[in-house]
Amino acid sequence: MEIFCTIYYVLNYVKTVPQILKLIRTKSSSDYSLSMILLQLISMISWSLYIFTSVQSIIVYIGTVIDLILLVITDILIVVYYRKPHSEATA
């Protein structure tokens, strides 16, 4: 069953890395929902607490840490580059 866990983590990283690269390249995140990133962060913190308070394989521990790091990087970039649409018109 660890193969499914590994597939999940690999595909999740493949999904997240392009988002980070896009944010860095465009320096814009107005098309992201701030409530969505807050919900993602809360769900990832909840998942991490569950994983680290139960006995899991090393793949799950490592995958969860990397997943959390990538999500935090993405969320930080979104907040740093976020501009409200109406403020762009006045700038």
C-alpha atoms as a PDB file:
ATOM      1  CA  MET A   1       0.000   0.000   0.000  1.00  0.00           C
ATOM      2  CA  GLU A   2       2.972   2.326   0.345  1.00  0.00           C
ATOM      3  CA  ILE A   3       3.085   2.590  -3.440  1.00  0.00           C
ATOM      4  CA  PHE A   4      -0.213   4.515  -3.401  1.00  0.00           C
ATOM      5  CA  CYS A   5       1.138   6.837  -0.745  1.00  0.00           C
ATOM      6  CA  THR A   6       4.263   7.433  -2.814  1.00  0.00           C
ATOM      7  CA  ILE A   7       2.192   8.074  -5.950  1.00  0.00           C
ATOM      8  CA  TYR A   8       0.072  10.596  -4.038  1.00  0.00           C
ATOM      9  CA  TYR A   9       3.076  12.526  -2.763  1.00  0.00           C
ATOM     10  CA  VAL A  10       4.875  12.545  -6.132  1.00  0.00           C
ATOM     11  CA  LEU A  11       1.781  13.777  -7.969  1.00  0.00           C
ATOM     12  CA  ASN A  12       1.113  16.385  -5.302  1.00  0.00           C
ATOM     13  CA  TYR A  13       4.666  17.716  -5.663  1.00  0.00           C
ATOM     14  CA  VAL A  14       4.325  17.739  -9.456  1.00  0.00           C
ATOM     15  CA  LYS A  15       1.190  19.848  -8.984  1.00  0.00           C
ATOM     16  CA  THR A  16       2.686  22.266  -6.456  1.00  0.00           C
ATOM     17  CA  VAL A  17       6.108  23.075  -7.934  1.00  0.00           C
ATOM     18  CA  PRO A  18       4.691  24.717 -11.110  1.00  0.00           C
ATOM     19  CA  GLN A  19       2.479  26.927  -8.916  1.00  0.00           C
ATOM     20  CA  ILE A  20       5.523  28.116  -6.995  1.00  0.00           C
ATOM     21  CA  LEU A  21       7.462  28.758 -10.214  1.00  0.00           C
ATOM     22  CA  LYS A  22       4.505  30.675 -11.707  1.00  0.00           C
ATOM     23  CA  LEU A  23       4.204  32.855  -8.617  1.00  0.00           C
ATOM     24  CA  ILE A  24       7.914  33.662  -8.661  1.00  0.00           C
ATOM     25  CA  ARG A  25       7.939  34.341 -12.418  1.00  0.00           C
ATOM     26  CA  THR A  26       4.795  36.487 -12.624  1.00  0.00           C
ATOM     27  CA  LYS A  27       4.951  38.066  -9.147  1.00  0.00           C
ATOM     28  CA  SER A  28       1.160  38.045  -9.168  1.00  0.00           C
ATOM     29  CA  SER A  29      -1.347  36.013  -7.199  1.00  0.00           C
ATOM     30  CA  SER A  30      -4.560  37.976  -7.646  1.00  0.00           C
ATOM     31  CA  ASP A  31      -6.161  34.920  -9.263  1.00  0.00           C
ATOM     32  CA  TYR A  32      -5.829  32.897  -6.029  1.00  0.00           C
ATOM     33  CA  SER A  33      -8.502  32.839  -3.362  1.00  0.00           C
ATOM     34  CA  LEU A  34      -7.166  33.838   0.054  1.00  0.00           C
ATOM     35  CA  SER A  35      -9.883  31.781   1.749  1.00  0.00           C
ATOM     36  CA  MET A  36      -8.822  28.753  -0.310  1.00  0.00           C
ATOM     37  CA  ILE A  37      -5.206  29.016   0.811  1.00  0.00           C
ATOM     38  CA  LEU A  38      -6.324  29.424   4.420  1.00  0.00           C
ATOM     39  CA  LEU A  39      -8.448  26.266   4.154  1.00  0.00           C
ATOM     40  CA  GLN A  40      -5.552  24.388   2.536  1.00  0.00           C
ATOM     41  CA  LEU A  41      -3.222  25.438   5.322  1.00  0.00           C
ATOM     42  CA  ILE A  42      -5.690  24.445   8.060  1.00  0.00           C
ATOM     43  CA  SER A  43      -6.295  21.074   6.422  1.00  0.00           C
ATOM     44  CA  MET A  44      -2.555  20.428   5.992  1.00  0.00           C
ATOM     45  CA  ILE A  45      -1.834  21.348   9.608  1.00  0.00           C
ATOM     46  CA  SER A  46      -4.642  19.018  10.715  1.00  0.00           C
ATOM     47  CA  TRP A  47      -3.263  16.235   8.519  1.00  0.00           C
ATOM     48  CA  SER A  48       0.249  16.788   9.876  1.00  0.00           C
ATOM     49  CA  LEU A  49      -0.960  16.660  13.483  1.00  0.00           C
ATOM     50  CA  TYR A  50      -2.760  13.408  12.759  1.00  0.00           C
ATOM     51  CA  ILE A  51       0.272  11.863  11.035  1.00  0.00           C
ATOM     52  CA  PHE A  52       2.759  12.838  13.724  1.00  0.00           C
ATOM     53  CA  THR A  53       0.536  11.598  16.564  1.00  0.00           C
ATOM     54  CA  SER A  54       0.176   8.126  15.032  1.00  0.00           C
ATOM     55  CA  VAL A  55       2.569   5.427  13.928  1.00  0.00           C
ATOM     56  CA  GLN A  56       3.245   5.687  10.191  1.00  0.00           C
ATOM     57  CA  SER A  57       5.889   4.580   7.732  1.00  0.00           C
ATOM     58  CA  ILE A  58       8.887   6.824   7.101  1.00  0.00           C
ATOM     59  CA  ILE A  59       7.510   7.593   3.624  1.00  0.00           C
ATOM     60  CA  VAL A  60       4.435   9.213   5.181  1.00  0.00           C
ATOM     61  CA  TYR A  61       6.478  11.286   7.631  1.00  0.00           C
ATOM     62  CA  ILE A  62       8.887  12.537   4.965  1.00  0.00           C
ATOM     63  CA  GLY A  63       6.089  13.114   2.447  1.00  0.00           C
ATOM     64  CA  THR A  64       4.023  15.079   4.941  1.00  0.00           C
ATOM     65  CA  VAL A  65       6.937  17.332   5.893  1.00  0.00           C
ATOM     66  CA  ILE A  66       7.763  18.065   2.245  1.00  0.00           C
ATOM     67  CA  ASP A  67       4.072  18.611   1.496  1.00  0.00           C
ATOM     68  CA  LEU A  68       3.772  21.080   4.379  1.00  0.00           C
ATOM     69  CA  ILE A  69       6.936  22.950   3.323  1.00  0.00           C
ATOM     70  CA  LEU A  70       5.725  23.295  -0.281  1.00  0.00           C
ATOM     71  CA  LEU A  71       2.299  24.498   0.872  1.00  0.00           C
ATOM     72  CA  VAL A  72       3.803  27.082   3.224  1.00  0.00           C
ATOM     73  CA  ILE A  73       6.108  28.366   0.460  1.00  0.00           C
ATOM     74  CA  THR A  74       3.147  28.608  -1.920  1.00  0.00           C
ATOM     75  CA  ASP A  75       0.987  30.379   0.656  1.00  0.00           C
ATOM     76  CA  ILE A  76       3.729  32.863   1.543  1.00  0.00           C
ATOM     77  CA  LEU A  77       4.261  33.709  -2.135  1.00  0.00           C
ATOM     78  CA  ILE A  78       0.510  34.120  -2.660  1.00  0.00           C
ATOM     79  CA  VAL A  79       0.216  36.521   0.275  1.00  0.00           C
ATOM     80  CA  VAL A  80       3.361  38.467  -0.712  1.00  0.00           C
ATOM     81  CA  TYR A  81       2.243  38.926  -4.329  1.00  0.00           C
ATOM     82  CA  TYR A  82      -1.487  39.331  -3.652  1.00  0.00           C
ATOM     83  CA  ARG A  83      -3.045  42.569  -4.805  1.00  0.00           C
ATOM     84  CA  LYS A  84      -6.708  43.368  -4.757  1.00  0.00           C
ATOM     85  CA  PRO A  85      -8.048  43.894  -8.309  1.00  0.00           C
ATOM     86  CA  HIS A  86      -9.424  47.380  -7.600  1.00  0.00           C
ATOM     87  CA  SER A  87      -6.084  48.574  -6.189  1.00  0.00           C
ATOM     88  CA  GLU A  88      -4.344  47.758  -9.490  1.00  0.00           C
ATOM     89  CA  ALA A  89      -6.617  50.175 -11.331  1.00  0.00           C
ATOM     90  CA  THR A  90      -5.739  53.035  -9.016  1.00  0.00           C
ATOM     91  CA  ALA A  91      -1.988  52.330  -8.970  1.00  0.00           C
END
